[in-house]
Amino acid sequence: MFDASTFIREHWVFGGIATSLLWFLAGKQSLSNRKREAALLWEGVAVMIVATMCGWAIAEKEWLGLVFGVAVLVFEVSAIRRVSRTADGRKSAQT
């Protein structure tokens, strides 16, 4: 029989990544609603969650989880930087 608590305890990396991606998705939704500050807040929380998960993966010696966590971290940070560069480019073009 499936025991959810055992599954979560053994596969916490997936939970951390999923949580981070949900926060990041909330940030993308805020960005599509033209709420840039809120989007950066949501996406910043997502980055903090996955960075904490990576630190915990190191502490628990979950190397494969660390690899996936770093991949998500790089994706999220690069997406935030891309949006920031685009927004900064628009500001300089308007002035």
N, C-alpha and C. Protein backbone atom coordinates (compact mmCIF):
# COMPACT_ATOMS: atom_id res chain seq x y z
N MET A 1 0.84 -1.19 0.00
CA MET A 1 0.00 0.00 0.00
C MET A 1 0.88 1.25 0.00
N PHE A 2 0.42 2.29 -0.61
CA PHE A 2 1.16 3.54 -0.74
C PHE A 2 1.11 4.33 0.56
N ASP A 3 2.29 4.68 1.08
CA ASP A 3 2.38 5.49 2.29
C ASP A 3 2.97 6.84 1.91
N ALA A 4 2.12 7.86 1.89
CA ALA A 4 2.55 9.18 1.43
C ALA A 4 3.64 9.76 2.31
N SER A 5 3.55 9.58 3.62
CA SER A 5 4.56 10.18 4.50
C SER A 5 5.94 9.56 4.28
N THR A 6 6.00 8.27 4.02
CA THR A 6 7.28 7.63 3.74
C THR A 6 7.84 8.11 2.41
N PHE A 7 6.97 8.23 1.42
CA PHE A 7 7.40 8.70 0.11
C PHE A 7 7.97 10.11 0.21
N ILE A 8 7.27 11.00 0.92
CA ILE A 8 7.73 12.38 1.08
C ILE A 8 9.05 12.44 1.83
N ARG A 9 9.18 11.63 2.87
CA ARG A 9 10.41 11.61 3.66
C ARG A 9 11.60 11.13 2.81
N GLU A 10 11.37 10.18 1.95
CA GLU A 10 12.46 9.63 1.14
C GLU A 10 12.75 10.46 -0.11
N HIS A 11 11.77 11.17 -0.60
CA HIS A 11 11.93 11.91 -1.86
C HIS A 11 11.64 13.40 -1.65
N TRP A 12 12.22 13.98 -0.63
CA TRP A 12 11.99 15.38 -0.28
C TRP A 12 12.56 16.33 -1.34
N VAL A 13 13.54 15.86 -2.11
CA VAL A 13 14.12 16.71 -3.15
C VAL A 13 13.06 17.11 -4.17
N PHE A 14 12.24 16.16 -4.57
CA PHE A 14 11.20 16.46 -5.55
C PHE A 14 10.19 17.45 -4.99
N GLY A 15 9.89 17.32 -3.71
CA GLY A 15 8.99 18.28 -3.07
C GLY A 15 9.57 19.68 -3.05
N GLY A 16 10.86 19.78 -2.75
CA GLY A 16 11.52 21.09 -2.74
C GLY A 16 11.55 21.72 -4.11
N ILE A 17 11.85 20.92 -5.11
CA ILE A 17 11.89 21.44 -6.48
C ILE A 17 10.49 21.84 -6.94
N ALA A 18 9.50 21.00 -6.64
CA ALA A 18 8.12 21.32 -7.04
C ALA A 18 7.63 22.60 -6.36
N THR A 19 7.94 22.75 -5.08
CA THR A 19 7.54 23.95 -4.35
C THR A 19 8.19 25.19 -4.96
N SER A 20 9.47 25.09 -5.24
CA SER A 20 10.18 26.21 -5.84
C SER A 20 9.59 26.58 -7.19
N LEU A 21 9.32 25.59 -8.01
CA LEU A 21 8.77 25.86 -9.33
C LEU A 21 7.36 26.46 -9.25
N LEU A 22 6.58 26.05 -8.25
CA LEU A 22 5.25 26.66 -8.08
C LEU A 22 5.36 28.13 -7.71
N TRP A 23 6.28 28.48 -6.80
CA TRP A 23 6.50 29.89 -6.46
C TRP A 23 6.98 30.66 -7.68
N PHE A 24 7.86 30.03 -8.46
CA PHE A 24 8.37 30.68 -9.66
C PHE A 24 7.25 30.91 -10.67
N LEU A 25 6.38 29.93 -10.81
CA LEU A 25 5.23 30.06 -11.70
C LEU A 25 4.31 31.18 -11.25
N ALA A 26 4.14 31.32 -9.93
CA ALA A 26 3.34 32.44 -9.41
C ALA A 26 3.98 33.77 -9.79
N GLY A 27 5.31 33.82 -9.76
CA GLY A 27 6.01 35.03 -10.19
C GLY A 27 5.80 35.33 -11.66
N LYS A 28 5.83 34.30 -12.47
CA LYS A 28 5.59 34.49 -13.90
C LYS A 28 4.17 35.00 -14.14
N GLN A 29 3.22 34.50 -13.35
CA GLN A 29 1.84 34.97 -13.49
C GLN A 29 1.75 36.44 -13.10
N SER A 30 2.43 36.83 -12.03
CA SER A 30 2.43 38.24 -11.64
C SER A 30 3.07 39.10 -12.72
N LEU A 31 4.11 38.58 -13.34
CA LEU A 31 4.78 39.31 -14.41
C LEU A 31 3.85 39.49 -15.60
N SER A 32 3.09 38.46 -15.92
CA SER A 32 2.15 38.59 -17.05
C SER A 32 1.03 39.57 -16.73
N ASN A 33 0.77 39.80 -15.43
CA ASN A 33 -0.22 40.79 -15.01
C ASN A 33 0.41 42.17 -14.83
N ARG A 34 1.64 42.32 -15.30
CA ARG A 34 2.38 43.58 -15.25
C ARG A 34 2.64 44.09 -13.83
N LYS A 35 2.89 43.15 -12.94
CA LYS A 35 3.25 43.48 -11.56
C LYS A 35 4.68 43.01 -11.33
N ARG A 36 5.63 43.80 -11.82
CA ARG A 36 7.03 43.39 -11.83
C ARG A 36 7.59 43.20 -10.42
N GLU A 37 7.26 44.09 -9.49
CA GLU A 37 7.80 43.99 -8.13
C GLU A 37 7.30 42.73 -7.44
N ALA A 38 6.02 42.43 -7.61
CA ALA A 38 5.45 41.21 -7.02
C ALA A 38 6.09 39.98 -7.65
N ALA A 39 6.32 40.05 -8.95
CA ALA A 39 6.93 38.91 -9.65
C ALA A 39 8.33 38.65 -9.12
N LEU A 40 9.10 39.71 -8.90
CA LEU A 40 10.45 39.52 -8.37
C LEU A 40 10.41 38.96 -6.95
N LEU A 41 9.42 39.33 -6.18
CA LEU A 41 9.27 38.79 -4.82
C LEU A 41 8.98 37.29 -4.88
N TRP A 42 8.00 36.91 -5.67
CA TRP A 42 7.63 35.49 -5.79
C TRP A 42 8.82 34.68 -6.31
N GLU A 43 9.47 35.18 -7.34
CA GLU A 43 10.58 34.44 -7.93
C GLU A 43 11.78 34.41 -6.99
N GLY A 44 11.96 35.46 -6.20
CA GLY A 44 13.03 35.47 -5.21
C GLY A 44 12.81 34.42 -4.14
N VAL A 45 11.56 34.25 -3.73
CA VAL A 45 11.23 33.21 -2.76
C VAL A 45 11.52 31.83 -3.36
N ALA A 46 11.20 31.66 -4.63
CA ALA A 46 11.47 30.39 -5.31
C ALA A 46 12.96 30.08 -5.32
N VAL A 47 13.77 31.09 -5.59
CA VAL A 47 15.23 30.90 -5.60
C VAL A 47 15.72 30.54 -4.20
N MET A 48 15.19 31.21 -3.18
CA MET A 48 15.61 30.89 -1.81
C MET A 48 15.22 29.46 -1.42
N ILE A 49 14.05 29.02 -1.85
CA ILE A 49 13.62 27.66 -1.54
C ILE A 49 14.54 26.64 -2.17
N VAL A 50 14.85 26.80 -3.45
CA VAL A 50 15.69 25.82 -4.12
C VAL A 50 17.14 25.90 -3.63
N ALA A 51 17.60 27.09 -3.26
CA ALA A 51 18.95 27.21 -2.71
C ALA A 51 19.04 26.51 -1.35
N THR A 52 18.01 26.65 -0.53
CA THR A 52 17.96 25.95 0.75
C THR A 52 17.92 24.44 0.53
N MET A 53 17.13 24.03 -0.46
CA MET A 53 17.05 22.60 -0.77
C MET A 53 18.40 22.06 -1.22
N CYS A 54 19.15 22.86 -1.98
CA CYS A 54 20.49 22.44 -2.41
C CYS A 54 21.42 22.30 -1.21
N GLY A 55 21.34 23.24 -0.28
CA GLY A 55 22.14 23.14 0.93
C GLY A 55 21.79 21.90 1.73
N TRP A 56 20.52 21.60 1.83
CA TRP A 56 20.09 20.42 2.56
C TRP A 56 20.53 19.15 1.82
N ALA A 57 20.51 19.19 0.50
CA ALA A 57 20.97 18.03 -0.28
C ALA A 57 22.46 17.77 -0.02
N ILE A 58 23.24 18.83 0.13
CA ILE A 58 24.66 18.65 0.46
C ILE A 58 24.79 18.03 1.85
N ALA A 59 24.01 18.54 2.81
CA ALA A 59 24.07 18.02 4.17
C ALA A 59 23.67 16.55 4.25
N GLU A 60 22.70 16.16 3.43
CA GLU A 60 22.21 14.78 3.43
C GLU A 60 22.96 13.90 2.43
N LYS A 61 23.90 14.47 1.72
CA LYS A 61 24.67 13.76 0.70
C LYS A 61 23.78 13.14 -0.38
N GLU A 62 22.81 13.93 -0.80
CA GLU A 62 21.91 13.56 -1.89
C GLU A 62 22.43 14.21 -3.17
N TRP A 63 23.43 13.61 -3.76
CA TRP A 63 24.14 14.26 -4.87
C TRP A 63 23.28 14.40 -6.12
N LEU A 64 22.47 13.42 -6.40
CA LEU A 64 21.60 13.53 -7.58
C LEU A 64 20.56 14.62 -7.36
N GLY A 65 20.03 14.71 -6.15
CA GLY A 65 19.11 15.79 -5.82
C GLY A 65 19.77 17.15 -5.93
N LEU A 66 21.05 17.22 -5.53
CA LEU A 66 21.80 18.46 -5.66
C LEU A 66 21.94 18.87 -7.12
N VAL A 67 22.21 17.90 -7.97
CA VAL A 67 22.35 18.20 -9.41
C VAL A 67 21.04 18.76 -9.97
N PHE A 68 19.93 18.13 -9.63
CA PHE A 68 18.63 18.63 -10.10
C PHE A 68 18.32 19.99 -9.50
N GLY A 69 18.65 20.16 -8.23
CA GLY A 69 18.41 21.44 -7.57
C GLY A 69 19.21 22.57 -8.19
N VAL A 70 20.47 22.30 -8.49
CA VAL A 70 21.32 23.32 -9.12
C VAL A 70 20.79 23.65 -10.51
N ALA A 71 20.32 22.64 -11.23
CA ALA A 71 19.75 22.89 -12.56
C ALA A 71 18.53 23.81 -12.47
N VAL A 72 17.67 23.57 -11.49
CA VAL A 72 16.50 24.42 -11.30
C VAL A 72 16.93 25.82 -10.87
N LEU A 73 17.92 25.89 -10.00
CA LEU A 73 18.43 27.18 -9.53
C LEU A 73 18.98 28.01 -10.70
N VAL A 74 19.76 27.37 -11.55
CA VAL A 74 20.32 28.08 -12.71
C VAL A 74 19.20 28.54 -13.64
N PHE A 75 18.22 27.69 -13.86
CA PHE A 75 17.09 28.06 -14.71
C PHE A 75 16.37 29.27 -14.16
N GLU A 76 16.05 29.24 -12.85
CA GLU A 76 15.29 30.33 -12.26
C GLU A 76 16.08 31.64 -12.25
N VAL A 77 17.34 31.59 -11.88
CA VAL A 77 18.15 32.81 -11.83
C VAL A 77 18.33 33.38 -13.24
N SER A 78 18.57 32.52 -14.22
CA SER A 78 18.75 33.03 -15.58
C SER A 78 17.45 33.63 -16.11
N ALA A 79 16.31 33.06 -15.76
CA ALA A 79 15.04 33.63 -16.20
C ALA A 79 14.79 34.99 -15.55
N ILE A 80 15.14 35.11 -14.28
CA ILE A 80 14.99 36.40 -13.58
C ILE A 80 15.90 37.44 -14.22
N ARG A 81 17.14 37.06 -14.49
CA ARG A 81 18.09 38.00 -15.11
C ARG A 81 17.62 38.42 -16.49
N ARG A 82 17.08 37.48 -17.26
CA ARG A 82 16.59 37.79 -18.60
C ARG A 82 15.45 38.80 -18.53
N VAL A 83 14.54 38.62 -17.60
CA VAL A 83 13.42 39.54 -17.44
C VAL A 83 13.93 40.90 -16.99
N SER A 84 14.90 40.92 -16.07
CA SER A 84 15.45 42.19 -15.59
C SER A 84 16.15 42.94 -16.70
N ARG A 85 16.92 42.24 -17.53
CA ARG A 85 17.59 42.89 -18.65
C ARG A 85 16.59 43.45 -19.65
N THR A 86 15.53 42.70 -19.92
CA THR A 86 14.51 43.16 -20.85
C THR A 86 13.81 44.40 -20.30
N ALA A 87 13.48 44.38 -19.02
CA ALA A 87 12.81 45.54 -18.41
C ALA A 87 13.74 46.75 -18.38
N ASP A 88 15.03 46.53 -18.09
CA ASP A 88 15.97 47.64 -18.09
C ASP A 88 16.15 48.21 -19.48
N GLY A 89 16.13 47.35 -20.49
CA GLY A 89 16.23 47.82 -21.87
C GLY A 89 15.05 48.66 -22.28
N ARG A 90 13.87 48.28 -21.79
CA ARG A 90 12.68 49.07 -22.11
C ARG A 90 12.73 50.43 -21.43
N LYS A 91 13.23 50.47 -20.20
CA LYS A 91 13.32 51.75 -19.48
C LYS A 91 14.27 52.70 -20.19
N SER A 92 15.42 52.20 -20.63
CA SER A 92 16.39 53.08 -21.29
C SER A 92 15.87 53.53 -22.66
N ALA A 93 15.07 52.71 -23.31
CA ALA A 93 14.52 53.10 -24.61
C ALA A 93 13.43 54.17 -24.45
N GLN A 94 12.76 54.18 -23.30
CA GLN A 94 11.70 55.14 -23.09
C GLN A 94 12.23 56.52 -22.74
N THR A 95 13.45 56.59 -22.17
CA THR A 95 13.99 57.88 -21.77
C THR A 95 14.67 58.61 -22.90
